[in-house]
Amino acid sequence: MPDTHSRYPDPGLAKNHVTPPSPPDDDGDQISLKSMFEVLWAYRQTLRNGVLIAAAAVAVLFIAASFLVPADRFGTLQFRVLFDGADQGRYPNGTPFSSSEIVATPVLDQVHKANDLQRYMDFTSFKESMLALESNAGLELLSYEYQTK
């Protein structure tokens, strides 16, 4: 007769029975990360390969973007107009002078042709990208000084 207090009353059942997992140790409020790290360690090769592939994809995207995205380049050329009468807005012969004449269409046309700039851009784009700005560093400094007062 089978024992009523034994775990497996029938010896045939004991062979086929799977023991349930043991309950986790109760450490109070502590959380064990051991199982998570064991999983990560088991997949370390796959994770490393995934990170390398992602890094290579990002590098390819950055390189492609640097070639495909248009870039604007700005340059500044400072010069002084030193002929007699320039400070009064007159040419030496007495005719009126304006700084906007420096970027006038006939002047820029001659510059565009003389420097063979059609290799880089058409005349319209060249003309639209030019700007003459009058500035005086001393005057700007004086203006900033009085604005603070």
Protein backbone atom coordinates (compact mmCIF):
# COMPACT_ATOMS: atom_id res chain seq x y z
CA MET A 1 0.00 0.00 0.00
CA PRO A 2 1.36 3.43 -0.84
CA ASP A 3 2.42 5.75 1.88
CA THR A 4 -0.04 8.63 2.23
CA HIS A 5 2.64 10.93 3.57
CA SER A 6 5.17 10.44 0.78
CA ARG A 7 5.51 12.95 -2.00
CA TYR A 8 4.90 10.41 -4.72
CA PRO A 9 2.42 7.83 -3.65
CA ASP A 10 2.93 5.81 -6.79
CA PRO A 11 6.57 4.98 -7.66
CA GLY A 12 5.70 5.11 -11.39
CA LEU A 13 4.70 8.74 -11.09
CA ALA A 14 8.01 9.67 -9.47
CA LYS A 15 9.96 8.87 -12.65
CA ASN A 16 7.83 11.05 -14.93
CA HIS A 17 7.31 13.93 -12.58
CA VAL A 18 9.16 17.19 -13.19
CA THR A 19 10.12 18.97 -10.06
CA PRO A 20 8.93 22.55 -9.91
CA PRO A 21 11.56 25.25 -9.73
CA SER A 22 12.60 26.18 -6.26
CA PRO A 23 11.25 29.50 -5.05
CA PRO A 24 13.70 32.36 -5.17
CA ASP A 25 15.57 33.16 -2.04
CA ASP A 26 13.79 35.84 -0.14
CA ASP A 27 16.39 38.53 0.47
CA GLY A 28 13.90 41.11 1.60
CA ASP A 29 13.84 44.25 -0.53
CA GLN A 30 16.86 43.36 -2.66
CA ILE A 31 16.49 42.57 -6.34
CA SER A 32 18.79 40.08 -7.99
CA LEU A 33 20.09 41.04 -11.44
CA LYS A 34 22.06 37.85 -11.81
CA SER A 35 19.56 36.22 -14.19
CA MET A 36 19.48 39.30 -16.43
CA PHE A 37 23.26 39.41 -16.63
CA GLU A 38 23.38 35.71 -17.41
CA VAL A 39 21.06 36.28 -20.39
CA LEU A 40 23.11 39.23 -21.58
CA TRP A 41 26.30 37.21 -21.22
CA ALA A 42 24.81 34.39 -23.27
CA TYR A 43 23.95 36.83 -26.08
CA ARG A 44 27.17 38.87 -25.90
CA GLN A 45 28.33 37.91 -29.42
CA THR A 46 24.96 38.82 -30.93
CA LEU A 47 24.80 42.11 -29.02
CA ARG A 48 28.35 43.04 -30.04
CA ASN A 49 27.60 42.31 -33.69
CA GLY A 50 24.39 44.35 -33.49
CA VAL A 51 26.21 47.34 -31.99
CA LEU A 52 28.93 47.14 -34.66
CA ILE A 53 26.35 46.98 -37.45
CA ALA A 54 24.44 49.93 -36.00
CA ALA A 55 27.66 51.99 -35.67
CA ALA A 56 28.61 51.19 -39.26
CA ALA A 57 25.12 52.20 -40.46
CA VAL A 58 25.33 55.52 -38.60
CA ALA A 59 28.79 56.20 -40.06
CA VAL A 60 27.53 55.48 -43.59
CA LEU A 61 24.56 57.80 -43.03
CA PHE A 62 26.82 60.63 -41.81
CA ILE A 63 29.16 60.23 -44.77
CA ALA A 64 26.25 60.14 -47.23
CA ALA A 65 24.70 63.22 -45.61
CA SER A 66 27.95 65.16 -45.86
CA PHE A 67 28.02 64.56 -49.61
CA LEU A 68 24.31 64.97 -50.33
CA VAL A 69 23.33 67.93 -48.16
CA PRO A 70 24.08 71.26 -49.81
CA ALA A 71 26.40 73.56 -47.94
CA ASP A 72 26.42 77.33 -47.97
CA ARG A 73 29.79 78.96 -47.69
CA PHE A 74 30.21 82.53 -46.62
CA GLY A 75 33.18 84.75 -47.07
CA THR A 76 34.01 88.26 -46.10
CA LEU A 77 36.34 90.58 -47.93
CA GLN A 78 37.17 93.83 -46.25
CA PHE A 79 38.54 96.75 -48.22
CA ARG A 80 38.77 100.49 -47.99
CA VAL A 81 37.90 102.98 -50.69
CA LEU A 82 40.82 105.40 -50.62
CA PHE A 83 40.29 107.81 -53.50
CA ASP A 84 39.85 111.51 -52.85
CA GLY A 85 36.27 112.41 -52.00
CA ALA A 86 35.16 108.87 -51.05
CA ASP A 87 34.40 110.01 -47.51
CA GLN A 88 32.02 112.68 -48.93
CA GLY A 89 30.40 110.23 -51.37
CA ARG A 90 32.04 111.69 -54.49
CA TYR A 91 34.46 110.41 -57.12
CA PRO A 92 37.60 112.51 -57.67
CA ASN A 93 35.92 114.09 -60.73
CA GLY A 94 32.97 115.20 -58.54
CA THR A 95 30.29 112.73 -59.65
CA PRO A 96 28.34 111.04 -56.84
CA PHE A 97 29.67 107.73 -55.47
CA SER A 98 27.74 105.03 -53.62
CA SER A 99 29.00 101.77 -52.10
CA SER A 100 26.20 99.96 -53.92
CA GLU A 101 28.07 100.65 -57.17
CA ILE A 102 30.67 98.09 -56.08
CA VAL A 103 28.07 95.33 -56.49
CA ALA A 104 26.34 96.85 -59.51
CA THR A 105 25.47 94.51 -62.38
CA PRO A 106 28.08 95.83 -64.87
CA VAL A 107 30.89 95.56 -62.30
CA LEU A 108 29.90 92.04 -61.21
CA ASP A 109 29.52 90.98 -64.85
CA GLN A 110 33.11 92.00 -65.56
CA VAL A 111 34.34 90.22 -62.40
CA HIS A 112 32.37 87.07 -63.30
CA LYS A 113 33.83 86.93 -66.82
CA ALA A 114 37.38 87.99 -65.91
CA ASN A 115 37.70 85.29 -63.23
CA ASP A 116 35.97 82.52 -65.21
CA LEU A 117 33.40 82.04 -62.45
CA GLN A 118 30.83 80.42 -64.75
CA ARG A 119 32.58 77.15 -63.91
CA TYR A 120 31.19 77.44 -60.39
CA MET A 121 27.87 79.27 -60.75
CA ASP A 122 25.78 81.19 -63.22
CA PHE A 123 25.88 84.99 -63.21
CA THR A 124 22.44 85.38 -61.62
CA SER A 125 23.42 83.28 -58.60
CA PHE A 126 26.73 85.15 -58.35
CA LYS A 127 25.00 88.52 -58.46
CA GLU A 128 22.38 87.54 -55.89
CA SER A 129 25.04 86.33 -53.48
CA MET A 130 26.95 89.63 -53.35
CA LEU A 131 26.37 92.31 -50.75
CA ALA A 132 28.25 95.51 -49.99
CA LEU A 133 27.98 96.54 -46.37
CA GLU A 134 29.49 99.76 -45.11
CA SER A 135 31.04 99.43 -41.70
CA ASN A 136 33.51 101.24 -39.56
CA ALA A 137 34.97 99.31 -36.62
CA GLY A 138 35.77 102.49 -34.72
CA LEU A 139 32.27 103.85 -35.17
CA GLU A 140 30.71 100.55 -34.11
CA LEU A 141 32.89 100.44 -31.01
CA LEU A 142 31.87 104.00 -30.15
CA SER A 143 28.21 103.09 -30.69
CA TYR A 144 28.47 100.06 -28.39
CA GLU A 145 30.18 102.16 -25.76
CA TYR A 146 27.37 104.73 -25.74
CA GLN A 147 24.65 102.06 -25.81
CA THR A 148 25.97 100.61 -22.54
CA LYS A 149 25.80 104.05 -20.90
